[in-house]
Amino acid sequence: MGQASLITVLLIAVAVIIVLSVFFSFFPVMLWVSAWASGVRISIITLVAMRLRRVTPSRIVNPLIKATKAGLGININQLESHYLAGGNVDRVVNALIAAQRADIPLEFTRAAAIDLAGRDVLLAVQMSVNPRVIETPVVAAVAKNGIEVKVKARVTVRANIDRLVGGAGEETIIARVGEGIVTTVGSSNSHKDVLENPDSISRTVLAKGLDSGTAFEILSIDIADIDVGKNIGAYLQTEQAEADKRIAQAKAEERRAMAVAHEQEMKARVVEMKALVVESESQVPLAMAEALRGGQIGVMDYMNLKNIEADTQMRGSLGKLNDTDTNPGDSKNNK
């Protein structure tokens, strides 16, 4: 009997523990007590209904306690609807408290819209109180005299809460400031003007109203660093001269190739003409043979022609010998 009663007590204890666990999981009594102790009037049924709507009660009640203590006047339905929409309730409440302390007009609907837009509303409120400094990368620009100028700027911005929804971010600010730097340096006659008056860049960039359409308000643009880079004008001229030289060399090579080709054509034509002369001379004996057969010339005429040719060759040989004897130095030089 003793062992059976012990088992019964253990089973009852386990059952009680299970029942209490289920009860406290659906009925967050301690959270309800904390809310009542903080002056937040909320029924236990409301907390159970949150469980049924798959809402974590602590995610709603704890921010509601902070809002009530701060005197924001936010009800539980607003917080729960924002939570169901996927927002961060705790961050929105913290932002509203920070805005109230800094005397910045910010309503719950505006803060919830900013949070649902994907922006950090608490960071935006903090940036409204404490402006942020954005440092641009090194921007290289070329003055009219061809000298490159490298500029780095620091932009002090303050968040504009009214333009956080739909306003451009920091990347747009950096891009616009870079564009203003390039425009200012490019319109300067010399890089020395930029080095002497770097504040002209700040004035020109601020005058363009670069913060329009962005989520920020530009307070100041300060030139953090300015340096002289390469002589881009001289470099471009050198490159152009090199390109012109290559073009001239290519054209000269083309003309040389055309001249060589024309020379080869002329040599081929000379060889062709010589072949025609040889061919014509080869026809002479045939013509004379035909004339002999036809009776146009006689044998004595042919013999006289041969004698004349032999006499001509002999005179030519004698003339060459006389030239050699008359100019022996020339012949030695020729040798």
Protein backbone atom coordinates (compact mmCIF):
# COMPACT_ATOMS: atom_id res chain seq x y z
CA MET A 1 0.00 0.00 0.00
CA GLY A 2 2.82 2.42 0.78
CA GLN A 3 4.43 1.97 -2.62
CA ALA A 4 1.13 2.41 -4.44
CA SER A 5 0.35 5.65 -2.59
CA LEU A 6 3.83 7.01 -3.42
CA ILE A 7 3.28 6.35 -7.12
CA THR A 8 -0.09 8.05 -6.95
CA VAL A 9 1.44 11.15 -5.34
CA LEU A 10 4.14 11.31 -8.01
CA LEU A 11 1.57 11.02 -10.80
CA ILE A 12 -0.51 13.78 -9.25
CA ALA A 13 2.55 16.00 -8.93
CA VAL A 14 3.51 15.43 -12.57
CA ALA A 15 -0.04 16.19 -13.66
CA VAL A 16 -0.09 19.37 -11.64
CA ILE A 17 3.21 20.50 -13.12
CA ILE A 18 1.95 19.85 -16.66
CA VAL A 19 -1.31 21.69 -15.97
CA LEU A 20 0.52 24.66 -14.47
CA SER A 21 2.96 24.77 -17.42
CA VAL A 22 0.10 24.80 -19.91
CA PHE A 23 -1.76 27.35 -17.83
CA PHE A 24 1.14 29.77 -17.53
CA SER A 25 2.02 29.34 -21.21
CA PHE A 26 -1.46 30.51 -22.21
CA PHE A 27 -2.06 32.74 -19.20
CA PRO A 28 1.06 34.93 -18.66
CA VAL A 29 0.16 35.85 -15.12
CA MET A 30 3.55 37.33 -14.22
CA LEU A 31 3.45 39.60 -17.27
CA TRP A 32 -0.07 40.66 -16.33
CA VAL A 33 1.07 41.42 -12.79
CA SER A 34 4.00 43.49 -14.09
CA ALA A 35 1.65 45.47 -16.34
CA TRP A 36 -0.77 46.20 -13.50
CA ALA A 37 2.09 47.18 -11.22
CA SER A 38 3.29 49.65 -13.89
CA GLY A 39 -0.13 51.21 -14.27
CA VAL A 40 -1.02 49.49 -17.55
CA ARG A 41 -4.59 48.22 -17.35
CA ILE A 42 -4.82 45.07 -19.45
CA SER A 43 -6.96 42.00 -18.88
CA ILE A 44 -5.67 38.45 -18.76
CA ILE A 45 -8.14 37.56 -21.51
CA THR A 46 -6.43 40.02 -23.83
CA LEU A 47 -3.11 38.32 -23.20
CA VAL A 48 -4.64 34.93 -23.93
CA ALA A 49 -6.14 36.32 -27.13
CA MET A 50 -2.64 37.43 -28.17
CA ARG A 51 -1.46 33.86 -27.78
CA LEU A 52 -4.26 32.69 -30.02
CA ARG A 53 -3.30 35.33 -32.64
CA ARG A 54 0.32 34.09 -32.46
CA VAL A 55 1.53 37.28 -30.92
CA THR A 56 4.18 37.13 -28.20
CA PRO A 57 2.61 39.11 -25.30
CA SER A 58 5.96 40.27 -23.93
CA ARG A 59 6.77 41.93 -27.30
CA ILE A 60 3.68 44.10 -26.82
CA VAL A 61 3.32 44.56 -23.08
CA ASN A 62 6.91 45.58 -22.31
CA PRO A 63 6.98 48.39 -24.96
CA LEU A 64 3.50 49.42 -23.79
CA ILE A 65 4.79 49.77 -20.23
CA LYS A 66 7.64 52.02 -21.47
CA ALA A 67 5.24 54.10 -23.55
CA THR A 68 2.83 54.50 -20.64
CA LYS A 69 5.58 55.54 -18.28
CA ALA A 70 6.79 58.09 -20.87
CA GLY A 71 3.26 59.42 -21.33
CA LEU A 72 3.05 58.73 -25.06
CA GLY A 73 -0.61 57.76 -25.04
CA ILE A 74 -0.29 54.66 -27.22
CA ASN A 75 -2.86 51.88 -26.91
CA ILE A 76 -2.29 48.16 -27.20
CA ASN A 77 -4.14 47.83 -30.49
CA GLN A 78 -1.66 50.13 -32.26
CA LEU A 79 1.30 48.16 -31.01
CA GLU A 80 -0.25 44.81 -31.85
CA SER A 81 -1.21 45.89 -35.38
CA HIS A 82 2.34 47.12 -35.99
CA TYR A 83 3.74 43.83 -34.69
CA LEU A 84 1.45 41.81 -36.96
CA ALA A 85 2.58 43.96 -39.92
CA GLY A 86 6.16 42.83 -39.29
CA GLY A 87 7.45 45.92 -37.51
CA ASN A 88 9.77 46.28 -34.57
CA VAL A 89 7.53 47.55 -31.76
CA ASP A 90 10.29 48.06 -29.23
CA ARG A 91 12.40 50.16 -31.61
CA VAL A 92 9.42 52.35 -32.55
CA VAL A 93 8.58 53.02 -28.91
CA ASN A 94 12.20 53.84 -28.11
CA ALA A 95 12.27 56.24 -31.07
CA LEU A 96 9.08 57.96 -29.89
CA ILE A 97 10.51 58.35 -26.39
CA ALA A 98 13.77 59.77 -27.76
CA ALA A 99 11.85 62.19 -30.03
CA GLN A 100 9.72 63.33 -27.10
CA ARG A 101 12.78 63.98 -24.97
CA ALA A 102 14.45 65.93 -27.81
CA ASP A 103 11.25 67.90 -28.51
CA ILE A 104 11.00 66.51 -32.04
CA PRO A 105 7.43 66.18 -33.36
CA LEU A 106 6.93 62.50 -34.24
CA GLU A 107 3.67 60.59 -34.22
CA PHE A 108 3.24 56.84 -33.88
CA THR A 109 1.84 56.42 -37.40
CA ARG A 110 4.85 58.23 -38.90
CA ALA A 111 7.33 56.22 -36.80
CA ALA A 112 5.57 52.95 -37.71
CA ALA A 113 5.64 53.87 -41.42
CA ILE A 114 9.37 54.63 -41.23
CA ASP A 115 10.02 51.32 -39.47
CA LEU A 116 7.98 49.33 -41.99
CA ALA A 117 9.86 51.09 -44.83
CA GLY A 118 13.03 49.35 -43.63
CA ARG A 119 14.74 52.33 -42.02
CA ASP A 120 15.98 52.50 -38.46
CA VAL A 121 13.63 55.08 -36.95
CA LEU A 122 15.59 55.22 -33.68
CA LEU A 123 18.82 55.96 -35.57
CA ALA A 124 16.96 58.64 -37.55
CA VAL A 125 15.85 60.35 -34.35
CA GLN A 126 19.38 60.14 -32.97
CA MET A 127 20.75 61.66 -36.21
CA SER A 128 18.23 64.48 -35.88
CA VAL A 129 19.68 65.29 -32.47
CA ASN A 130 23.32 64.45 -33.22
CA PRO A 131 24.22 65.11 -36.90
CA ARG A 132 26.29 62.51 -38.68
CA VAL A 133 29.49 63.06 -40.68
CA ILE A 134 29.75 61.21 -44.01
CA GLU A 135 33.23 61.00 -45.52
CA THR A 136 33.37 60.75 -49.29
CA PRO A 137 35.98 58.70 -51.11
CA VAL A 138 38.77 60.47 -52.98
CA VAL A 139 37.24 62.25 -55.98
CA ALA A 140 39.61 62.95 -58.90
CA ALA A 141 38.79 65.85 -61.21
CA VAL A 142 40.72 67.70 -63.93
CA ALA A 143 41.01 71.47 -64.21
CA LYS A 144 41.04 73.31 -67.53
CA ASN A 145 44.84 73.38 -67.60
CA GLY A 146 44.91 69.56 -67.60
CA ILE A 147 46.15 69.05 -64.01
CA GLU A 148 44.37 66.44 -61.94
CA VAL A 149 43.12 67.42 -58.46
CA LYS A 150 42.16 64.81 -55.83
CA VAL A 151 39.63 65.94 -53.25
CA LYS A 152 38.18 64.25 -50.17
CA ALA A 153 35.22 65.89 -48.41
CA ARG A 154 33.30 65.43 -45.17
CA VAL A 155 29.55 66.04 -45.34
CA THR A 156 27.68 66.80 -42.11
CA VAL A 157 24.05 65.71 -42.46
CA ARG A 158 21.02 65.63 -40.22
CA ALA A 159 18.16 63.19 -40.70
CA ASN A 160 14.94 64.70 -42.01
CA ILE A 161 12.18 62.60 -40.46
CA ASP A 162 9.52 63.94 -42.82
CA ARG A 163 11.48 62.66 -45.84
CA LEU A 164 12.65 59.32 -44.44
CA VAL A 165 9.89 57.47 -46.29
CA GLY A 166 10.77 57.59 -49.99
CA GLY A 167 13.93 59.69 -49.53
CA ALA A 168 17.29 58.73 -50.99
CA GLY A 169 20.07 57.45 -48.74
CA GLU A 170 23.72 58.19 -48.07
CA GLU A 171 24.88 56.79 -51.43
CA THR A 172 22.96 59.53 -53.24
CA ILE A 173 24.50 62.22 -51.04
CA ILE A 174 28.01 60.91 -51.75
CA ALA A 175 27.34 60.69 -55.49
CA ARG A 176 25.95 64.23 -55.66
CA VAL A 177 28.83 65.68 -53.67
CA GLY A 178 31.29 63.91 -55.97
CA GLU A 179 29.50 65.35 -58.98
CA GLY A 180 29.68 68.84 -57.47
CA ILE A 181 33.41 68.47 -56.82
CA VAL A 182 34.06 67.36 -60.41
CA THR A 183 31.99 70.26 -61.76
CA THR A 184 33.72 72.85 -59.60
CA VAL A 185 37.25 71.65 -60.36
CA GLY A 186 36.48 71.19 -64.04
CA SER A 187 35.23 74.76 -64.38
CA SER A 188 38.40 76.21 -62.80
CA ASN A 189 40.94 77.67 -65.20
CA SER A 190 43.88 76.28 -63.21
CA HIS A 191 44.44 73.79 -60.43
CA LYS A 192 46.13 76.58 -58.48
CA ASP A 193 42.77 78.36 -58.14
CA VAL A 194 41.34 75.27 -56.45
CA LEU A 195 44.34 74.90 -54.15
CA GLU A 196 44.19 78.57 -53.14
CA ASN A 197 40.44 78.58 -52.46
CA PRO A 198 39.22 75.08 -51.52
CA ASP A 199 36.16 76.65 -49.87
CA SER A 200 34.90 77.48 -53.36
CA ILE A 201 34.11 73.80 -53.75
CA SER A 202 31.99 73.84 -50.58
CA ARG A 203 30.10 76.96 -51.65
CA THR A 204 29.42 75.64 -55.13
CA VAL A 205 28.27 72.24 -53.90
CA LEU A 206 26.01 73.68 -51.19
CA ALA A 207 24.43 76.07 -53.69
CA LYS A 208 23.26 73.14 -55.81
CA GLY A 209 20.80 71.94 -53.15
CA LEU A 210 22.10 68.39 -53.13
CA ASP A 211 19.87 67.29 -50.26
CA SER A 212 16.65 67.65 -52.26
CA GLY A 213 14.77 64.37 -52.49
CA THR A 214 16.96 62.72 -49.87
CA ALA A 215 16.28 61.65 -46.29
CA PHE A 216 18.90 64.07 -44.98
CA GLU A 217 19.54 67.75 -44.61
CA ILE A 218 23.07 68.86 -45.44
CA LEU A 219 24.46 71.17 -42.77
CA SER A 220 27.97 71.70 -44.13
CA ILE A 221 30.49 70.36 -46.63
CA ASP A 222 34.11 70.59 -45.54
CA ILE A 223 37.15 69.78 -47.67
CA ALA A 224 39.16 67.28 -45.63
CA ASP A 225 42.04 66.75 -48.06
CA ILE A 226 43.11 68.13 -51.42
CA ASP A 227 46.10 67.02 -53.45
CA VAL A 228 47.56 67.43 -56.94
CA GLY A 229 47.59 64.36 -59.17
CA LYS A 230 48.88 63.66 -62.66
CA ASN A 231 49.20 66.05 -65.57
CA ILE A 232 46.35 64.53 -67.53
CA GLY A 233 46.59 67.11 -70.34
CA ALA A 234 50.24 66.31 -71.04
CA TYR A 235 49.54 62.61 -70.79
CA LEU A 236 46.73 62.87 -73.33
CA GLN A 237 48.90 64.93 -75.68
CA THR A 238 51.68 62.35 -75.40
CA GLU A 239 49.26 59.57 -76.16
CA GLN A 240 47.90 61.51 -79.14
CA ALA A 241 51.41 62.15 -80.47
CA GLU A 242 52.26 58.47 -80.07
CA ALA A 243 49.10 57.51 -81.93
CA ASP A 244 49.90 60.01 -84.73
CA LYS A 245 53.42 58.58 -84.99
CA ARG A 246 52.08 55.07 -85.31
CA ILE A 247 49.63 56.19 -88.00
CA ALA A 248 52.46 57.94 -89.92
CA GLN A 249 54.66 54.85 -89.63
CA ALA A 250 51.84 52.68 -90.91
CA LYS A 251 51.26 54.99 -93.88
CA ALA A 252 55.00 55.13 -94.66
CA GLU A 253 55.19 51.35 -94.52
CA GLU A 254 52.22 51.18 -96.84
CA ARG A 255 53.90 53.52 -99.34
CA ARG A 256 57.17 51.55 -99.12
CA ALA A 257 55.33 48.30 -99.78
CA MET A 258 53.57 49.88 -102.75
CA ALA A 259 56.92 51.14 -104.12
CA VAL A 260 58.50 47.70 -103.76
CA ALA A 261 55.54 46.12 -105.49
CA HIS A 262 55.73 48.69 -108.30
CA GLU A 263 59.48 48.01 -108.69
CA GLN A 264 58.86 44.29 -108.96
CA GLU A 265 56.17 44.94 -111.53
CA MET A 266 58.61 47.05 -113.58
CA LYS A 267 61.26 44.32 -113.41
CA ALA A 268 58.70 41.77 -114.55
CA ARG A 269 57.75 44.03 -117.46
CA VAL A 270 61.45 44.43 -118.45
CA VAL A 271 61.89 40.68 -118.45
CA GLU A 272 58.71 40.38 -120.47
CA MET A 273 59.97 42.92 -123.05
CA LYS A 274 63.32 41.16 -123.31
CA ALA A 275 61.48 37.91 -123.95
CA LEU A 276 59.51 39.62 -126.69
CA VAL A 277 62.78 40.95 -128.24
CA VAL A 278 64.34 37.49 -128.13
CA GLU A 279 61.20 36.06 -129.65
CA SER A 280 61.27 38.68 -132.41
CA GLU A 281 64.98 38.07 -133.11
CA SER A 282 64.30 34.36 -133.38
CA GLN A 283 61.93 35.12 -136.23
CA VAL A 284 64.67 36.79 -138.33
CA PRO A 285 66.40 33.58 -139.52
CA LEU A 286 63.05 32.06 -140.31
CA ALA A 287 62.08 35.14 -142.36
CA MET A 288 65.38 35.05 -144.26
CA ALA A 289 64.97 31.34 -144.99
CA GLU A 290 61.49 32.01 -146.23
CA ALA A 291 62.80 34.88 -148.39
CA LEU A 292 65.46 32.57 -149.88
CA ARG A 293 62.87 29.93 -150.65
CA GLY A 294 60.56 32.49 -152.16
CA GLY A 295 63.25 34.11 -154.26
CA GLN A 296 62.98 37.53 -152.69
CA ILE A 297 66.77 37.51 -152.04
CA GLY A 298 69.59 35.61 -153.64
CA VAL A 299 72.43 33.60 -152.22
CA MET A 300 74.90 36.40 -152.90
CA ASP A 301 72.69 38.85 -151.04
CA TYR A 302 72.66 36.48 -148.06
CA MET A 303 76.45 36.09 -148.21
CA ASN A 304 76.95 39.89 -148.43
CA LEU A 305 74.73 40.23 -145.31
CA LYS A 306 76.86 37.71 -143.48
CA ASN A 307 80.02 39.53 -144.52
CA ILE A 308 78.62 42.83 -143.27
CA GLU A 309 77.75 41.23 -139.91
CA ALA A 310 81.24 39.72 -139.61
CA ASP A 311 82.85 43.04 -140.54
CA THR A 312 80.72 44.84 -137.94
CA GLN A 313 81.68 42.37 -135.21
CA MET A 314 85.36 42.69 -136.12
CA ARG A 315 85.23 46.50 -135.98
CA GLY A 316 83.54 46.33 -132.62
CA SER A 317 86.25 44.05 -131.26
CA LEU A 318 89.00 46.33 -132.61
CA GLY A 319 87.31 49.33 -131.04
CA LYS A 320 87.25 47.65 -127.62
CA LEU A 321 90.99 46.79 -127.94
CA ASN A 322 91.85 50.42 -128.83
CA ASP A 323 89.89 51.71 -125.84
CA THR A 324 91.79 49.34 -123.54
CA ASP A 325 95.20 50.43 -124.91
CA THR A 326 94.33 54.15 -124.73
CA ASN A 327 93.11 54.09 -121.05
CA PRO A 328 95.24 51.48 -119.22
CA GLY A 329 94.58 53.16 -115.81
CA ASP A 330 90.85 52.88 -116.32
CA SER A 331 91.20 49.24 -117.15
CA LYS A 332 93.21 48.67 -113.96
CA ASN A 333 90.63 50.51 -111.95
CA ASN A 334 87.93 48.48 -113.56
CA LYS A 335 89.86 45.36 -112.63
